[in-house]
């Protein structure tokens, strides 16, 4: 059973940076992709960024392009989300997720980490 553990959330000021980490454990094989989602207060959970594990191809939501960067550490089964120039509208619970296969959707989810950006 794969477990995903996020860390790195916190409370910051607008314009500050944060780096979220998501460590995957219990995996005995390669995975297809990992991604970050966020759920803002009163909103649905939305995709933020994703990375194809083998090729490092990345996807970003329009709202974070140019400010957020997703990356992965193969050796440590960890995915990162570097968030720069944070805005109050980035305030959300951020979730890490893992998709084992192409087209299967996300199979595993982390518990979430709170990011709060004040103006």
Protein backbone atom coordinates (compact mmCIF):
# COMPACT_ATOMS: atom_id res chain seq x y z
CA UNK A 1 0.00 0.00 0.00
CA UNK A 2 1.45 3.34 -1.08
CA UNK A 3 1.37 6.14 1.45
CA UNK A 4 1.86 9.79 0.57
CA UNK A 5 2.95 12.25 3.22
CA UNK A 6 2.94 15.97 2.49
CA UNK A 7 4.93 18.58 4.36
CA UNK A 8 5.97 22.19 3.99
CA UNK A 9 2.71 24.05 4.33
CA UNK A 10 2.35 27.10 6.51
CA UNK A 11 1.24 30.69 6.83
CA UNK A 12 3.07 33.32 4.78
CA UNK A 13 2.64 36.81 3.41
CA UNK A 14 1.73 37.63 -0.18
CA UNK A 15 4.83 37.52 -2.36
CA UNK A 16 6.57 34.92 -0.20
CA UNK A 17 7.58 31.42 -1.24
CA UNK A 18 6.94 27.93 0.10
CA UNK A 19 8.07 24.49 -0.98
CA UNK A 20 5.79 21.55 -0.46
CA UNK A 21 7.14 18.02 -0.35
CA UNK A 22 5.36 14.71 -0.83
CA UNK A 23 7.17 11.52 0.07
CA UNK A 24 5.83 8.23 -1.25
CA UNK A 25 6.45 5.07 0.73
CA UNK A 26 5.45 1.46 0.22
CA UNK A 27 5.95 1.63 -3.53
CA UNK A 28 7.69 -1.38 -5.01
CA UNK A 29 7.47 -0.37 -8.66
CA UNK A 30 7.67 2.71 -10.81
CA UNK A 31 4.68 4.98 -11.02
CA UNK A 32 3.10 6.89 -13.89
CA UNK A 33 2.63 10.38 -12.49
CA UNK A 34 2.27 12.46 -9.38
CA UNK A 35 0.37 15.64 -8.98
CA UNK A 36 -0.65 18.42 -6.66
CA UNK A 37 -4.22 19.50 -6.13
CA UNK A 38 -5.69 22.18 -3.92
CA UNK A 39 -9.02 22.82 -2.31
CA UNK A 40 -9.82 26.40 -1.48
CA UNK A 41 -12.48 27.25 1.10
CA UNK A 42 -15.93 26.54 -0.30
CA UNK A 43 -14.51 25.26 -3.60
CA UNK A 44 -13.94 21.90 -5.23
CA UNK A 45 -10.54 20.26 -5.35
CA UNK A 46 -8.67 21.50 -8.42
CA UNK A 47 -5.50 20.30 -10.14
CA UNK A 48 -2.48 22.54 -9.69
CA UNK A 49 0.44 20.70 -11.28
CA UNK A 50 1.50 17.23 -12.33
CA UNK A 51 4.62 15.45 -13.46
CA UNK A 52 5.10 12.30 -15.50
CA UNK A 53 7.54 10.27 -13.47
CA UNK A 54 9.50 8.70 -16.32
CA UNK A 55 9.86 11.71 -18.62
CA UNK A 56 9.49 14.63 -16.18
CA UNK A 57 6.88 16.16 -18.47
CA UNK A 58 4.94 18.72 -16.45
CA UNK A 59 1.48 20.24 -16.43
CA UNK A 60 0.39 23.45 -14.69
CA UNK A 61 -2.94 25.09 -14.12
CA UNK A 62 -3.11 28.50 -15.76
CA UNK A 63 -3.47 30.19 -12.39
CA UNK A 64 -0.03 29.04 -11.24
CA UNK A 65 2.01 29.04 -14.46
CA UNK A 66 5.22 30.99 -14.04
CA UNK A 67 4.95 30.95 -10.24
CA UNK A 68 4.87 27.27 -9.26
CA UNK A 69 7.31 24.54 -10.24
CA UNK A 70 6.79 20.82 -9.78
CA UNK A 71 9.79 18.50 -9.65
CA UNK A 72 10.62 14.99 -8.54
CA UNK A 73 13.44 13.11 -6.86
CA UNK A 74 13.48 9.61 -8.25
CA UNK A 75 15.89 8.25 -5.68
CA UNK A 76 13.75 9.34 -2.75
CA UNK A 77 10.31 8.90 -4.34
CA UNK A 78 9.50 12.49 -3.53
CA UNK A 79 7.70 15.18 -5.47
CA UNK A 80 8.02 18.86 -4.72
CA UNK A 81 5.97 21.95 -5.42
CA UNK A 82 7.96 25.17 -5.30
CA UNK A 83 5.52 28.03 -4.91
CA UNK A 84 6.78 31.56 -5.52
CA UNK A 85 5.05 34.93 -5.56
CA UNK A 86 2.23 33.54 -3.48
CA UNK A 87 -1.11 35.30 -3.54
CA UNK A 88 -3.99 35.27 -1.06
CA UNK A 89 -6.02 33.29 -3.60
CA UNK A 90 -3.46 30.48 -3.31
CA UNK A 91 -4.76 29.84 0.20
CA UNK A 92 -5.96 26.24 0.24
CA UNK A 93 -5.33 22.75 1.48
CA UNK A 94 -2.82 21.21 -0.90
CA UNK A 95 -2.96 17.50 -1.64
CA UNK A 96 -0.43 15.23 -3.25
CA UNK A 97 -1.70 12.38 -5.42
CA UNK A 98 -0.23 9.48 -7.35
CA UNK A 99 -1.43 7.75 -10.51
CA UNK A 100 0.00 4.31 -11.03
CA UNK A 101 -1.00 3.94 -14.67
CA UNK A 102 -1.91 6.09 -17.63
CA UNK A 103 -5.66 6.64 -17.72
CA UNK A 104 -6.33 5.12 -14.31
CA UNK A 105 -6.90 8.38 -12.49
CA UNK A 106 -5.21 9.10 -9.20
CA UNK A 107 -4.93 6.01 -7.03
CA UNK A 108 -3.46 7.41 -3.83
CA UNK A 109 -3.86 10.69 -1.97
CA UNK A 110 -2.02 12.37 0.85
CA UNK A 111 -3.69 13.86 3.89
CA UNK A 112 -3.23 17.46 2.77
CA UNK A 113 -1.23 20.39 4.03
CA UNK A 114 -2.60 23.87 4.69
CA UNK A 115 -1.17 26.88 2.90
CA UNK A 116 -2.39 30.27 4.07
CA UNK A 117 -1.33 33.46 2.30
CA UNK A 118 -2.23 36.77 3.87
CA UNK A 119 -2.21 40.12 2.12
